C-alpha cells in the first residue's frame, strides 16, 4: 500500500515540474506566464519562444505523463491503477506544487499518459489532433477532439473495460475544464489560431 501511495505522490511531483516556466526563465530570461496566452505549456512556448522551445517543452511534458505510468506498470499495478497514476501526473501539471498550484492545460502530459495506456488509441487521437489543427489552426479544438476520440476509441474497441472507459472520460472532462476559456473563445470566434508557418 505504501508503495502505491509513493508512486502516486511521485507521479504528482513529476507532473508538477513546470517545464515551460523553467525553460523560459533559464534560457530566455522571461516569465512565460506573462507572454502570449500566459499558459505554461508547449503551445504557448511555441508561440512565444519558437519551434525549438515548443518541441523541448512538448517532449518533457509528454514524459511527465509517460514515465509514471510505465513505472507503475513495471511495479505490477493493475491497468486501472496505472491509468489513475497518469491522471495524477496530469493533475500535477495543471496544479503544479512548484508554481503556486498553477500550470498548463495538460495536453502534452495527457498524450504521454494515453501513449503508455493505449499506444493504438494514442495514434488515433494524434491523427485527429493533427487533422483538426491542420484544417482549422485551432490547437484547443484539436486537443479537445483528440481527448474525445480517445474516449470513443475505448468505448468502441475496449467496451468490456468499463472502468478504463470511465477514467478516459474523466480525462476528457478534465481537459474540457482546463480549456473552458478556449471553448468560450471558440464559440465567440475569438480564439487564437496557430500560424500556418508554425
N, C-alpha and C. Protein backbone atom coordinates (compact mmCIF):
# COMPACT_ATOMS: atom_id res chain seq x y z
N UNK A 1 0.83 -1.21 0.00
CA UNK A 1 0.00 0.00 0.00
C UNK A 1 0.87 1.26 0.00
N UNK A 2 1.90 1.25 0.86
CA UNK A 2 2.77 2.42 0.93
C UNK A 2 3.51 2.65 -0.38
N UNK A 3 3.84 1.55 -1.06
CA UNK A 3 4.50 1.66 -2.36
C UNK A 3 3.59 2.38 -3.36
N UNK A 4 2.32 1.99 -3.37
CA UNK A 4 1.38 2.60 -4.30
C UNK A 4 1.18 4.08 -3.99
N UNK A 5 1.07 4.41 -2.71
CA UNK A 5 0.93 5.82 -2.32
C UNK A 5 2.14 6.61 -2.77
N UNK A 6 3.31 5.99 -2.60
CA UNK A 6 4.55 6.65 -3.01
C UNK A 6 4.59 6.91 -4.50
N UNK A 7 4.12 5.94 -5.29
CA UNK A 7 4.12 6.10 -6.74
C UNK A 7 3.15 7.20 -7.16
N UNK A 8 1.99 7.25 -6.54
CA UNK A 8 1.03 8.32 -6.85
C UNK A 8 1.62 9.69 -6.49
N UNK A 9 2.30 9.75 -5.37
CA UNK A 9 2.92 11.00 -4.94
C UNK A 9 4.02 11.41 -5.92
N UNK A 10 4.83 10.44 -6.33
CA UNK A 10 5.90 10.71 -7.29
C UNK A 10 5.32 11.18 -8.62
N UNK A 11 4.20 10.56 -9.02
CA UNK A 11 3.55 10.96 -10.27
C UNK A 11 3.11 12.42 -10.21
N UNK A 12 2.57 12.81 -9.07
CA UNK A 12 2.15 14.21 -8.92
C UNK A 12 3.36 15.14 -8.99
N UNK A 13 4.45 14.78 -8.33
CA UNK A 13 5.64 15.62 -8.34
C UNK A 13 6.24 15.73 -9.74
N UNK A 14 6.27 14.62 -10.45
CA UNK A 14 6.80 14.65 -11.82
C UNK A 14 5.90 15.50 -12.71
N UNK A 15 4.61 15.33 -12.55
CA UNK A 15 3.67 16.13 -13.33
C UNK A 15 3.78 17.61 -13.02
N UNK A 16 4.18 17.91 -11.79
CA UNK A 16 4.25 19.31 -11.34
C UNK A 16 5.45 20.07 -11.91
N UNK A 17 6.42 19.37 -12.46
CA UNK A 17 7.60 20.06 -13.00
C UNK A 17 7.17 21.05 -14.07
N UNK A 18 7.33 22.36 -13.84
CA UNK A 18 6.85 23.37 -14.79
C UNK A 18 7.85 23.60 -15.92
N UNK A 19 7.89 22.66 -16.84
CA UNK A 19 8.89 22.66 -17.90
C UNK A 19 8.96 23.99 -18.65
N UNK A 20 7.82 24.46 -19.11
CA UNK A 20 7.79 25.69 -19.91
C UNK A 20 8.26 26.89 -19.10
N UNK A 21 7.85 26.95 -17.85
CA UNK A 21 8.22 28.09 -16.99
C UNK A 21 9.72 28.10 -16.75
N UNK A 22 10.29 26.94 -16.37
CA UNK A 22 11.73 26.87 -16.10
C UNK A 22 12.55 27.08 -17.36
N UNK A 23 12.11 26.51 -18.47
CA UNK A 23 12.86 26.67 -19.72
C UNK A 23 12.91 28.13 -20.14
N UNK A 24 11.75 28.80 -20.10
CA UNK A 24 11.69 30.20 -20.49
C UNK A 24 12.52 31.08 -19.55
N UNK A 25 12.50 30.75 -18.27
CA UNK A 25 13.22 31.54 -17.28
C UNK A 25 14.73 31.41 -17.44
N UNK A 26 15.22 30.17 -17.58
CA UNK A 26 16.67 29.95 -17.58
C UNK A 26 17.32 30.13 -18.95
N UNK A 27 16.57 29.94 -20.03
CA UNK A 27 17.18 30.06 -21.35
C UNK A 27 16.77 31.32 -22.10
N UNK A 28 15.69 31.98 -21.65
CA UNK A 28 15.25 33.19 -22.32
C UNK A 28 15.07 34.37 -21.37
N UNK A 29 15.18 34.11 -20.09
CA UNK A 29 15.09 35.19 -19.11
C UNK A 29 13.73 35.84 -19.01
N UNK A 30 12.68 35.09 -19.31
CA UNK A 30 11.33 35.67 -19.22
C UNK A 30 10.42 34.75 -18.41
N UNK A 31 9.32 35.33 -17.96
CA UNK A 31 8.27 34.56 -17.30
C UNK A 31 7.22 34.26 -18.36
N UNK A 32 7.15 33.00 -18.81
CA UNK A 32 6.25 32.62 -19.90
C UNK A 32 4.80 32.93 -19.56
N UNK A 33 4.50 33.04 -18.27
CA UNK A 33 3.12 33.31 -17.85
C UNK A 33 2.70 34.74 -18.16
N UNK A 34 3.67 35.59 -18.49
CA UNK A 34 3.37 36.99 -18.81
C UNK A 34 3.43 37.26 -20.31
N UNK A 35 3.48 36.19 -21.10
CA UNK A 35 3.57 36.35 -22.54
C UNK A 35 2.59 35.43 -23.25
N UNK A 36 2.18 35.82 -24.43
CA UNK A 36 1.26 35.01 -25.21
C UNK A 36 -0.05 34.79 -24.48
N UNK A 37 -0.45 33.53 -24.41
CA UNK A 37 -1.70 33.20 -23.72
C UNK A 37 -1.52 33.14 -22.21
N UNK A 38 -0.25 33.16 -21.76
CA UNK A 38 0.02 33.05 -20.33
C UNK A 38 0.03 31.62 -19.83
N UNK A 39 -0.19 30.69 -20.76
CA UNK A 39 -0.25 29.28 -20.38
C UNK A 39 1.15 28.69 -20.27
N UNK A 40 1.33 27.81 -19.29
CA UNK A 40 2.63 27.17 -19.08
C UNK A 40 2.62 25.82 -19.79
N UNK A 41 2.74 25.86 -21.10
CA UNK A 41 2.68 24.63 -21.87
C UNK A 41 3.41 24.74 -23.19
N UNK A 42 3.35 23.66 -23.96
CA UNK A 42 4.10 23.58 -25.21
C UNK A 42 3.59 24.55 -26.27
N UNK A 43 2.28 24.72 -26.37
CA UNK A 43 1.73 25.59 -27.41
C UNK A 43 2.15 27.03 -27.19
N UNK A 44 2.05 27.51 -25.97
CA UNK A 44 2.46 28.89 -25.70
C UNK A 44 3.97 29.06 -25.85
N UNK A 45 4.73 28.04 -25.51
CA UNK A 45 6.18 28.07 -25.71
C UNK A 45 6.50 28.18 -27.19
N UNK A 46 5.75 27.46 -28.01
CA UNK A 46 5.93 27.52 -29.46
C UNK A 46 5.64 28.92 -29.98
N UNK A 47 4.52 29.49 -29.52
CA UNK A 47 4.13 30.81 -29.98
C UNK A 47 5.13 31.89 -29.55
N UNK A 48 5.56 31.82 -28.30
CA UNK A 48 6.38 32.89 -27.73
C UNK A 48 7.87 32.69 -28.00
N UNK A 49 8.34 31.45 -27.87
CA UNK A 49 9.79 31.20 -27.91
C UNK A 49 10.27 30.51 -29.18
N UNK A 50 9.35 29.97 -29.97
CA UNK A 50 9.75 29.34 -31.22
C UNK A 50 9.67 27.82 -31.20
N UNK A 51 10.01 27.23 -32.35
CA UNK A 51 9.86 25.79 -32.54
C UNK A 51 10.71 24.96 -31.58
N UNK A 52 11.97 25.36 -31.41
CA UNK A 52 12.87 24.59 -30.55
C UNK A 52 12.30 24.48 -29.14
N UNK A 53 11.88 25.60 -28.58
CA UNK A 53 11.32 25.60 -27.23
C UNK A 53 10.03 24.78 -27.19
N UNK A 54 9.19 24.93 -28.21
CA UNK A 54 7.94 24.19 -28.24
C UNK A 54 8.16 22.69 -28.25
N UNK A 55 9.13 22.24 -29.03
CA UNK A 55 9.42 20.81 -29.13
C UNK A 55 10.01 20.28 -27.82
N UNK A 56 10.94 21.04 -27.24
CA UNK A 56 11.58 20.60 -25.98
C UNK A 56 10.54 20.50 -24.87
N UNK A 57 9.70 21.51 -24.74
CA UNK A 57 8.67 21.50 -23.71
C UNK A 57 7.68 20.36 -23.95
N UNK A 58 7.32 20.16 -25.21
CA UNK A 58 6.39 19.07 -25.56
C UNK A 58 6.95 17.72 -25.13
N UNK A 59 8.22 17.47 -25.44
CA UNK A 59 8.83 16.18 -25.12
C UNK A 59 8.88 15.95 -23.61
N UNK A 60 9.35 16.97 -22.88
CA UNK A 60 9.46 16.80 -21.43
C UNK A 60 8.09 16.67 -20.77
N UNK A 61 7.11 17.45 -21.23
CA UNK A 61 5.77 17.35 -20.66
C UNK A 61 5.15 15.99 -20.98
N UNK A 62 5.44 15.48 -22.17
CA UNK A 62 4.94 14.15 -22.53
C UNK A 62 5.53 13.08 -21.61
N UNK A 63 6.83 13.20 -21.35
CA UNK A 63 7.50 12.22 -20.48
C UNK A 63 6.96 12.26 -19.06
N UNK A 64 6.48 13.43 -18.62
CA UNK A 64 5.92 13.55 -17.28
C UNK A 64 4.69 12.65 -17.11
N UNK A 65 3.99 12.40 -18.21
CA UNK A 65 2.84 11.51 -18.15
C UNK A 65 3.21 10.07 -18.45
N UNK A 66 4.14 9.89 -19.38
CA UNK A 66 4.52 8.55 -19.82
C UNK A 66 5.26 7.75 -18.75
N UNK A 67 6.27 8.35 -18.15
CA UNK A 67 7.15 7.61 -17.23
C UNK A 67 6.45 7.10 -15.96
N UNK A 68 5.62 7.92 -15.30
CA UNK A 68 4.94 7.38 -14.11
C UNK A 68 4.04 6.19 -14.42
N UNK A 69 3.39 6.21 -15.59
CA UNK A 69 2.53 5.10 -15.97
C UNK A 69 3.36 3.84 -16.22
N UNK A 70 4.47 4.00 -16.93
CA UNK A 70 5.34 2.85 -17.19
C UNK A 70 5.93 2.29 -15.89
N UNK A 71 6.28 3.19 -14.96
CA UNK A 71 6.81 2.76 -13.67
C UNK A 71 5.78 1.95 -12.91
N UNK A 72 4.56 2.44 -12.86
CA UNK A 72 3.51 1.74 -12.11
C UNK A 72 3.21 0.38 -12.74
N UNK A 73 3.28 0.31 -14.06
CA UNK A 73 3.07 -0.98 -14.72
C UNK A 73 4.19 -1.95 -14.39
N UNK A 74 5.41 -1.45 -14.37
CA UNK A 74 6.57 -2.28 -14.03
C UNK A 74 6.46 -2.83 -12.61
N UNK A 75 5.86 -2.03 -11.73
CA UNK A 75 5.72 -2.44 -10.33
C UNK A 75 4.50 -3.33 -10.09
N UNK A 76 3.78 -3.65 -11.15
CA UNK A 76 2.69 -4.60 -11.03
C UNK A 76 1.33 -4.00 -10.72
N UNK A 77 1.16 -2.71 -10.93
CA UNK A 77 -0.15 -2.09 -10.72
C UNK A 77 -1.13 -2.65 -11.74
N UNK A 78 -2.41 -2.63 -11.39
CA UNK A 78 -3.44 -3.04 -12.34
C UNK A 78 -3.54 -1.99 -13.45
N UNK A 79 -4.21 -2.37 -14.53
CA UNK A 79 -4.35 -1.45 -15.67
C UNK A 79 -5.06 -0.17 -15.26
N UNK A 80 -6.10 -0.33 -14.43
CA UNK A 80 -6.85 0.84 -13.98
C UNK A 80 -5.98 1.73 -13.09
N UNK A 81 -5.18 1.11 -12.24
CA UNK A 81 -4.31 1.88 -11.35
C UNK A 81 -3.25 2.65 -12.12
N UNK A 82 -2.70 2.02 -13.17
CA UNK A 82 -1.69 2.72 -13.97
C UNK A 82 -2.30 3.94 -14.66
N UNK A 83 -3.53 3.81 -15.12
CA UNK A 83 -4.22 4.94 -15.76
C UNK A 83 -4.45 6.06 -14.74
N UNK A 84 -4.84 5.68 -13.53
CA UNK A 84 -5.07 6.68 -12.48
C UNK A 84 -3.77 7.36 -12.08
N UNK A 85 -2.66 6.62 -12.08
CA UNK A 85 -1.35 7.24 -11.83
C UNK A 85 -1.11 8.33 -12.87
N UNK A 86 -1.44 8.03 -14.12
CA UNK A 86 -1.30 9.02 -15.18
C UNK A 86 -2.18 10.24 -14.95
N UNK A 87 -3.40 10.00 -14.50
CA UNK A 87 -4.31 11.12 -14.21
C UNK A 87 -3.71 12.03 -13.14
N UNK A 88 -3.08 11.43 -12.14
CA UNK A 88 -2.45 12.22 -11.07
C UNK A 88 -1.31 13.05 -11.61
N UNK A 89 -0.54 12.51 -12.53
CA UNK A 89 0.55 13.29 -13.12
C UNK A 89 0.00 14.47 -13.92
N UNK A 90 -1.14 14.28 -14.57
CA UNK A 90 -1.79 15.37 -15.30
C UNK A 90 -2.27 16.44 -14.32
N UNK A 91 -2.83 16.00 -13.19
CA UNK A 91 -3.25 16.95 -12.17
C UNK A 91 -2.07 17.77 -11.67
N UNK A 92 -0.90 17.12 -11.54
CA UNK A 92 0.30 17.84 -11.14
C UNK A 92 0.68 18.90 -12.15
N UNK A 93 0.55 18.57 -13.43
CA UNK A 93 0.86 19.54 -14.48
C UNK A 93 -0.08 20.74 -14.42
N UNK A 94 -1.35 20.47 -14.18
CA UNK A 94 -2.34 21.54 -14.16
C UNK A 94 -2.23 22.38 -12.89
N UNK A 95 -2.01 21.71 -11.78
CA UNK A 95 -1.87 22.41 -10.49
C UNK A 95 -0.51 22.07 -9.89
N UNK A 96 0.52 22.75 -10.38
CA UNK A 96 1.89 22.44 -10.01
C UNK A 96 2.26 22.97 -8.63
N UNK A 97 2.81 22.09 -7.81
CA UNK A 97 3.25 22.49 -6.48
C UNK A 97 4.47 23.42 -6.57
N UNK A 98 5.17 23.38 -7.69
CA UNK A 98 6.35 24.22 -7.88
C UNK A 98 6.03 25.59 -8.47
N UNK A 99 4.77 25.82 -8.82
CA UNK A 99 4.39 27.09 -9.45
C UNK A 99 3.11 27.63 -8.85
N UNK A 100 3.05 27.59 -7.50
CA UNK A 100 1.88 28.12 -6.78
C UNK A 100 0.57 27.48 -7.24
N UNK A 101 0.66 26.19 -7.54
CA UNK A 101 -0.51 25.40 -7.95
C UNK A 101 -1.17 25.95 -9.21
N UNK A 102 -0.33 26.47 -10.09
CA UNK A 102 -0.79 26.89 -11.41
C UNK A 102 0.08 26.17 -12.43
N UNK A 103 -0.50 25.88 -13.59
CA UNK A 103 0.27 25.15 -14.59
C UNK A 103 -0.34 25.24 -15.96
N UNK A 104 -0.10 24.20 -16.76
CA UNK A 104 -0.60 24.19 -18.12
C UNK A 104 -1.96 23.51 -18.21
N UNK A 105 -2.35 23.20 -19.44
CA UNK A 105 -3.68 22.63 -19.67
C UNK A 105 -3.66 21.12 -19.78
N UNK A 106 -2.48 20.55 -19.74
CA UNK A 106 -2.38 19.10 -19.61
C UNK A 106 -2.39 18.29 -20.89
N UNK A 107 -2.29 18.92 -22.05
CA UNK A 107 -2.40 18.18 -23.30
C UNK A 107 -1.20 17.27 -23.53
N UNK A 108 0.01 17.82 -23.48
CA UNK A 108 1.20 17.01 -23.74
C UNK A 108 1.35 15.90 -22.70
N UNK A 109 1.09 16.21 -21.44
CA UNK A 109 1.18 15.20 -20.39
C UNK A 109 0.10 14.13 -20.59
N UNK A 110 -1.07 14.54 -21.02
CA UNK A 110 -2.14 13.58 -21.33
C UNK A 110 -1.73 12.66 -22.47
N UNK A 111 -1.06 13.22 -23.46
CA UNK A 111 -0.59 12.40 -24.58
C UNK A 111 0.39 11.34 -24.08
N UNK A 112 1.27 11.72 -23.17
CA UNK A 112 2.20 10.75 -22.59
C UNK A 112 1.47 9.64 -21.87
N UNK A 113 0.43 10.01 -21.16
CA UNK A 113 -0.35 9.02 -20.41
C UNK A 113 -1.05 8.05 -21.35
N UNK A 114 -1.77 8.57 -22.34
CA UNK A 114 -2.53 7.69 -23.22
C UNK A 114 -1.60 6.88 -24.12
N UNK A 115 -0.41 7.40 -24.38
CA UNK A 115 0.57 6.64 -25.16
C UNK A 115 1.00 5.40 -24.39
N UNK A 116 1.14 5.55 -23.07
CA UNK A 116 1.52 4.42 -22.23
C UNK A 116 0.35 3.47 -22.00
N UNK A 117 -0.84 4.04 -21.86
CA UNK A 117 -2.04 3.23 -21.57
C UNK A 117 -2.50 2.46 -22.80
N UNK A 118 -2.54 3.14 -23.96
CA UNK A 118 -3.02 2.52 -25.19
C UNK A 118 -2.34 3.17 -26.39
N UNK A 119 -1.22 2.61 -26.84
CA UNK A 119 -0.50 3.19 -27.98
C UNK A 119 -1.38 3.37 -29.22
N UNK A 120 -2.23 2.38 -29.50
CA UNK A 120 -3.10 2.47 -30.67
C UNK A 120 -4.09 3.62 -30.52
N UNK A 121 -4.67 3.74 -29.32
CA UNK A 121 -5.59 4.85 -29.06
C UNK A 121 -4.90 6.18 -29.16
N UNK A 122 -3.64 6.24 -28.72
CA UNK A 122 -2.87 7.48 -28.80
C UNK A 122 -2.63 7.87 -30.25
N UNK A 123 -2.32 6.89 -31.10
CA UNK A 123 -2.08 7.17 -32.52
C UNK A 123 -3.33 7.74 -33.17
N UNK A 124 -4.47 7.13 -32.90
CA UNK A 124 -5.74 7.61 -33.47
C UNK A 124 -6.03 9.03 -32.99
N UNK A 125 -5.81 9.28 -31.70
CA UNK A 125 -6.06 10.61 -31.14
C UNK A 125 -5.14 11.66 -31.74
N UNK A 126 -3.87 11.31 -31.93
CA UNK A 126 -2.91 12.24 -32.52
C UNK A 126 -3.30 12.56 -33.96
N UNK A 127 -3.73 11.56 -34.71
CA UNK A 127 -4.16 11.78 -36.09
C UNK A 127 -5.34 12.75 -36.15
N UNK A 128 -6.27 12.60 -35.23
CA UNK A 128 -7.41 13.52 -35.16
C UNK A 128 -6.92 14.92 -34.82
N UNK A 129 -6.01 15.02 -33.84
CA UNK A 129 -5.46 16.31 -33.45
C UNK A 129 -4.80 17.00 -34.63
N UNK A 130 -3.94 16.28 -35.34
CA UNK A 130 -3.20 16.86 -36.47
C UNK A 130 -4.17 17.32 -37.56
N UNK A 131 -5.16 16.49 -37.85
CA UNK A 131 -6.12 16.84 -38.90
C UNK A 131 -6.91 18.09 -38.54
N UNK A 132 -7.39 18.16 -37.30
CA UNK A 132 -8.19 19.31 -36.87
C UNK A 132 -7.36 20.59 -36.86
N UNK A 133 -6.14 20.51 -36.34
CA UNK A 133 -5.28 21.70 -36.30
C UNK A 133 -4.87 22.12 -37.71
N UNK A 134 -4.63 21.15 -38.58
CA UNK A 134 -4.23 21.46 -39.96
C UNK A 134 -5.33 22.23 -40.69
N UNK A 135 -6.57 21.78 -40.51
CA UNK A 135 -7.67 22.39 -41.25
C UNK A 135 -8.25 23.63 -40.57
N UNK A 136 -8.17 23.71 -39.24
CA UNK A 136 -8.79 24.84 -38.53
C UNK A 136 -7.79 25.80 -37.93
N UNK A 137 -6.56 25.34 -37.66
CA UNK A 137 -5.50 26.11 -36.98
C UNK A 137 -5.81 26.37 -35.51
N UNK A 138 -6.83 25.67 -34.99
CA UNK A 138 -7.17 25.82 -33.58
C UNK A 138 -6.56 24.65 -32.79
N UNK A 139 -5.52 24.91 -32.01
CA UNK A 139 -4.89 23.86 -31.20
C UNK A 139 -5.85 23.38 -30.12
N UNK A 140 -6.58 24.31 -29.52
CA UNK A 140 -7.50 23.94 -28.45
C UNK A 140 -8.59 23.00 -28.95
N UNK A 141 -9.13 23.28 -30.12
CA UNK A 141 -10.17 22.42 -30.69
C UNK A 141 -9.60 21.04 -31.01
N UNK A 142 -8.40 21.02 -31.57
CA UNK A 142 -7.75 19.76 -31.87
C UNK A 142 -7.51 18.94 -30.61
N UNK A 143 -7.11 19.62 -29.54
CA UNK A 143 -6.84 18.94 -28.28
C UNK A 143 -8.10 18.32 -27.70
N UNK A 144 -9.18 19.07 -27.72
CA UNK A 144 -10.44 18.59 -27.15
C UNK A 144 -11.00 17.42 -27.96
N UNK A 145 -10.95 17.53 -29.28
CA UNK A 145 -11.47 16.45 -30.11
C UNK A 145 -10.58 15.20 -30.03
N UNK A 146 -9.29 15.41 -29.82
CA UNK A 146 -8.39 14.27 -29.62
C UNK A 146 -8.73 13.54 -28.32
N UNK A 147 -9.01 14.32 -27.27
CA UNK A 147 -9.41 13.72 -25.99
C UNK A 147 -10.72 12.95 -26.11
N UNK A 148 -11.67 13.53 -26.84
CA UNK A 148 -12.95 12.85 -27.06
C UNK A 148 -12.76 11.58 -27.89
N UNK A 149 -11.85 11.65 -28.86
CA UNK A 149 -11.56 10.49 -29.70
C UNK A 149 -11.05 9.33 -28.86
N UNK A 150 -10.22 9.63 -27.86
CA UNK A 150 -9.68 8.56 -27.02
C UNK A 150 -10.80 7.88 -26.22
N UNK A 151 -11.76 8.67 -25.76
CA UNK A 151 -12.90 8.10 -25.05
C UNK A 151 -13.69 7.17 -25.99
N UNK A 152 -13.98 7.67 -27.19
CA UNK A 152 -14.74 6.87 -28.16
C UNK A 152 -13.99 5.62 -28.57
N UNK A 153 -12.66 5.73 -28.66
CA UNK A 153 -11.85 4.58 -29.01
C UNK A 153 -12.03 3.48 -27.96
N UNK A 154 -12.01 3.85 -26.70
CA UNK A 154 -12.17 2.85 -25.64
C UNK A 154 -13.58 2.26 -25.65
N UNK A 155 -14.56 3.10 -25.91
CA UNK A 155 -15.94 2.60 -25.93
C UNK A 155 -16.16 1.64 -27.08
N UNK A 156 -15.51 1.89 -28.23
CA UNK A 156 -15.71 1.06 -29.42
C UNK A 156 -14.88 -0.21 -29.42
N UNK A 157 -13.62 -0.10 -28.98
CA UNK A 157 -12.70 -1.22 -29.11
C UNK A 157 -12.35 -1.91 -27.79
N UNK A 158 -12.75 -1.31 -26.69
CA UNK A 158 -12.48 -1.92 -25.39
C UNK A 158 -13.71 -1.82 -24.50
N UNK A 159 -14.85 -2.14 -25.09
CA UNK A 159 -16.13 -1.95 -24.40
C UNK A 159 -16.24 -2.76 -23.11
N UNK A 160 -15.46 -3.85 -23.01
CA UNK A 160 -15.52 -4.68 -21.81
C UNK A 160 -14.81 -4.02 -20.63
N UNK A 161 -13.94 -3.04 -20.91
CA UNK A 161 -13.17 -2.36 -19.86
C UNK A 161 -13.91 -1.10 -19.41
N UNK A 162 -14.99 -1.32 -18.69
CA UNK A 162 -15.86 -0.21 -18.30
C UNK A 162 -15.14 0.83 -17.47
N UNK A 163 -14.37 0.38 -16.48
CA UNK A 163 -13.69 1.32 -15.60
C UNK A 163 -12.65 2.13 -16.37
N UNK A 164 -11.94 1.51 -17.29
CA UNK A 164 -10.95 2.23 -18.10
C UNK A 164 -11.65 3.29 -18.96
N UNK A 165 -12.81 2.95 -19.48
CA UNK A 165 -13.58 3.91 -20.28
C UNK A 165 -14.01 5.09 -19.43
N UNK A 166 -14.40 4.82 -18.18
CA UNK A 166 -14.80 5.89 -17.27
C UNK A 166 -13.62 6.79 -16.94
N UNK A 167 -12.43 6.22 -16.76
CA UNK A 167 -11.25 7.02 -16.48
C UNK A 167 -10.89 7.86 -17.69
N UNK A 168 -11.03 7.28 -18.90
CA UNK A 168 -10.79 8.03 -20.12
C UNK A 168 -11.75 9.21 -20.22
N UNK A 169 -13.01 8.97 -19.82
CA UNK A 169 -13.99 10.06 -19.84
C UNK A 169 -13.64 11.12 -18.80
N UNK A 170 -13.13 10.68 -17.64
CA UNK A 170 -12.69 11.62 -16.61
C UNK A 170 -11.57 12.50 -17.15
N UNK A 171 -10.65 11.91 -17.91
CA UNK A 171 -9.57 12.67 -18.52
C UNK A 171 -10.13 13.71 -19.48
N UNK A 172 -11.11 13.33 -20.28
CA UNK A 172 -11.72 14.27 -21.22
C UNK A 172 -12.39 15.43 -20.48
N UNK A 173 -13.11 15.11 -19.41
CA UNK A 173 -13.77 16.15 -18.61
C UNK A 173 -12.73 17.12 -18.04
N UNK A 174 -11.61 16.58 -17.61
CA UNK A 174 -10.52 17.39 -17.07
C UNK A 174 -9.99 18.35 -18.15
N UNK A 175 -9.84 17.85 -19.36
CA UNK A 175 -9.36 18.69 -20.47
C UNK A 175 -10.38 19.76 -20.84
N UNK A 176 -11.64 19.41 -20.78
CA UNK A 176 -12.70 20.41 -21.02
C UNK A 176 -12.60 21.52 -19.99
N UNK A 177 -12.36 21.13 -18.74
CA UNK A 177 -12.24 22.13 -17.67
C UNK A 177 -11.06 23.06 -17.92
N UNK A 178 -9.92 22.49 -18.28
CA UNK A 178 -8.74 23.35 -18.47
C UNK A 178 -8.86 24.22 -19.72
N UNK A 179 -9.75 23.82 -20.63
CA UNK A 179 -9.93 24.59 -21.86
C UNK A 179 -11.24 25.39 -21.85
N UNK A 180 -11.79 25.60 -20.68
CA UNK A 180 -13.09 26.28 -20.61
C UNK A 180 -13.05 27.69 -21.23
N UNK A 181 -11.96 28.42 -21.02
CA UNK A 181 -11.86 29.76 -21.62
C UNK A 181 -11.70 29.66 -23.13
N UNK A 182 -10.96 28.66 -23.58
CA UNK A 182 -10.79 28.45 -25.02
C UNK A 182 -12.12 28.11 -25.68
N UNK A 183 -12.93 27.32 -24.98
CA UNK A 183 -14.24 26.96 -25.51
C UNK A 183 -15.10 28.20 -25.68
N UNK A 184 -15.06 29.09 -24.70
CA UNK A 184 -15.83 30.34 -24.81
C UNK A 184 -15.36 31.16 -26.01
N UNK A 185 -14.04 31.22 -26.21
CA UNK A 185 -13.48 31.98 -27.34
C UNK A 185 -13.82 31.32 -28.68
N UNK A 186 -13.83 29.99 -28.69
CA UNK A 186 -14.20 29.29 -29.91
C UNK A 186 -15.64 29.60 -30.30
N UNK A 187 -16.50 29.62 -29.30
CA UNK A 187 -17.92 29.92 -29.56
C UNK A 187 -18.12 31.36 -30.02
N UNK A 188 -17.25 32.26 -29.52
CA UNK A 188 -17.33 33.68 -29.91
C UNK A 188 -16.56 33.98 -31.20
N UNK A 189 -15.74 33.04 -31.62
CA UNK A 189 -14.91 33.24 -32.81
C UNK A 189 -13.69 34.09 -32.55
N UNK A 190 -13.24 34.16 -31.30
CA UNK A 190 -12.09 34.99 -30.95
C UNK A 190 -10.88 34.18 -30.52
N UNK A 191 -10.94 32.85 -30.66
CA UNK A 191 -9.82 32.00 -30.25
C UNK A 191 -8.60 32.23 -31.16
N UNK A 192 -7.40 32.22 -30.55
CA UNK A 192 -6.18 32.40 -31.32
C UNK A 192 -5.91 31.20 -32.20
N UNK A 193 -5.47 31.48 -33.43
CA UNK A 193 -5.10 30.41 -34.36
C UNK A 193 -3.60 30.24 -34.39
N UNK A 194 -3.17 29.02 -34.67
CA UNK A 194 -1.75 28.76 -34.85
C UNK A 194 -1.37 29.15 -36.27
N UNK A 195 -0.30 29.90 -36.41
CA UNK A 195 0.10 30.34 -37.75
C UNK A 195 0.43 29.16 -38.63
N UNK A 196 0.22 29.29 -39.92
CA UNK A 196 0.49 28.21 -40.86
C UNK A 196 1.95 27.81 -40.82
N UNK A 197 2.85 28.79 -40.66
CA UNK A 197 4.28 28.51 -40.63
C UNK A 197 4.63 27.62 -39.46
N UNK A 198 4.09 27.94 -38.26
CA UNK A 198 4.39 27.15 -37.07
C UNK A 198 3.68 25.81 -37.10
